[in-house]
Amino acid sequence: MSEKAEDTTTWDDLRRVADELKLKMHLAGMEAREQWEKLQPKLAELEHSVEAGAAKAGHAISEQVASLGSSLKKLLADIKGGDHKDGDKPEEPGKPA
């Protein structure tokens, strides 16, 4: 995914990816679940910020949406790629699969 595509992540995109992650979590391994548990509070906090002050928050929320969207999309890609299935260990950088 290009940097430009990540910069244009919308709130609807973020919610769609989060919803898709929720559906796939039953197939994911423990590490993916732990990563999701770290991201979920950030998503809830950001959702509250969006609801509370969407009109005035503008740029700051856009940056948070882009950052969290990138993290959620990476986790989803890892899960789709099979990096987090039960019993599998994530690949270590620099080591062949």
Protein backbone atom coordinates (compact mmCIF):
# COMPACT_ATOMS: atom_id res chain seq x y z
CA MET A 1 0.00 0.00 0.00
CA SER A 2 1.40 3.38 -0.88
CA GLU A 3 1.99 6.17 1.58
CA LYS A 4 -0.62 8.26 -0.22
CA ALA A 5 -3.28 5.58 0.28
CA GLU A 6 -2.53 5.45 4.01
CA ASP A 7 -2.77 9.25 4.24
CA THR A 8 -6.31 9.13 2.85
CA THR A 9 -7.63 6.62 5.37
CA THR A 10 -11.11 7.70 6.39
CA TRP A 11 -13.01 6.95 9.55
CA ASP A 12 -15.24 4.57 7.55
CA ASP A 13 -12.12 2.76 6.27
CA LEU A 14 -10.79 2.46 9.80
CA ARG A 15 -14.07 1.03 11.12
CA ARG A 16 -14.30 -1.39 8.17
CA VAL A 17 -10.79 -2.74 8.83
CA ALA A 18 -11.49 -2.99 12.57
CA ASP A 19 -14.75 -4.86 11.90
CA GLU A 20 -12.97 -7.24 9.53
CA LEU A 21 -10.29 -7.85 12.18
CA LYS A 22 -12.96 -8.72 14.75
CA LEU A 23 -14.37 -11.32 12.37
CA LYS A 24 -10.96 -12.89 11.73
CA MET A 25 -9.71 -12.94 15.32
CA HIS A 26 -11.12 -16.39 16.01
CA LEU A 27 -8.63 -17.74 13.46
CA ALA A 28 -5.69 -15.77 14.75
CA GLY A 29 -3.04 -16.90 17.18
CA MET A 30 -2.26 -15.49 20.58
CA GLU A 31 0.24 -12.88 19.37
CA ALA A 32 -2.32 -11.37 16.98
CA ARG A 33 -4.88 -11.30 19.78
CA GLU A 34 -2.40 -9.50 22.03
CA GLN A 35 -1.71 -6.93 19.31
CA TRP A 36 -5.46 -6.45 18.81
CA GLU A 37 -5.94 -5.95 22.57
CA LYS A 38 -3.33 -3.17 22.44
CA LEU A 39 -4.96 -1.49 19.42
CA GLN A 40 -8.57 -1.81 20.58
CA PRO A 41 -8.35 0.78 23.41
CA LYS A 42 -6.70 3.23 21.01
CA LEU A 43 -9.57 2.67 18.58
CA ALA A 44 -12.14 3.27 21.32
CA GLU A 45 -10.34 6.43 22.45
CA LEU A 46 -10.11 7.72 18.89
CA GLU A 47 -13.78 6.90 18.27
CA HIS A 48 -14.69 8.94 21.35
CA SER A 49 -12.56 11.84 20.09
CA VAL A 50 -14.20 11.69 16.69
CA GLU A 51 -17.68 11.69 18.20
CA ALA A 52 -16.89 14.44 20.73
CA GLY A 53 -15.17 16.94 18.49
CA ALA A 54 -15.00 15.83 14.91
CA ALA A 55 -15.57 19.31 13.50
CA LYS A 56 -12.82 21.03 15.52
CA ALA A 57 -10.26 18.25 15.83
CA GLY A 58 -9.47 18.06 12.11
CA HIS A 59 -5.78 17.52 11.48
CA ALA A 60 -4.89 15.81 14.78
CA ILE A 61 -7.62 13.22 14.36
CA SER A 62 -6.66 12.71 10.71
CA GLU A 63 -3.11 11.88 11.77
CA GLN A 64 -4.35 9.48 14.45
CA VAL A 65 -6.75 7.83 11.98
CA ALA A 66 -3.92 7.38 9.47
CA SER A 67 -1.56 5.97 12.10
CA LEU A 68 -4.08 3.61 13.68
CA GLY A 69 -5.37 2.65 10.24
CA SER A 70 -1.85 1.68 9.21
CA SER A 71 -1.43 -0.47 12.33
CA LEU A 72 -4.82 -2.16 11.87
CA LYS A 73 -4.17 -2.81 8.18
CA LYS A 74 -0.75 -4.31 8.97
CA LEU A 75 -2.28 -6.64 11.56
CA LEU A 76 -5.00 -7.64 9.11
CA ALA A 77 -2.42 -8.30 6.38
CA ASP A 78 -0.37 -10.38 8.82
CA ILE A 79 -3.43 -12.42 9.73
CA LYS A 80 -4.46 -12.87 6.10
CA GLY A 81 -0.89 -13.87 5.28
CA GLY A 82 -0.97 -16.56 7.94
CA ASP A 83 1.66 -14.97 10.16
CA HIS A 84 -0.49 -15.38 13.28
CA LYS A 85 -2.19 -18.76 13.05
CA ASP A 86 -2.25 -20.82 16.24
CA GLY A 87 0.96 -22.77 16.62
CA ASP A 88 2.92 -20.58 14.20
CA LYS A 89 5.61 -18.22 15.37
CA PRO A 90 6.08 -14.89 13.59
CA GLU A 91 9.12 -14.71 11.34
CA GLU A 92 12.14 -13.01 12.83
CA PRO A 93 13.68 -10.23 10.74
CA GLY A 94 16.60 -11.50 8.72
CA LYS A 95 15.71 -15.19 9.10
CA PRO A 96 14.20 -17.22 6.27
CA ALA A 97 10.66 -18.57 6.72
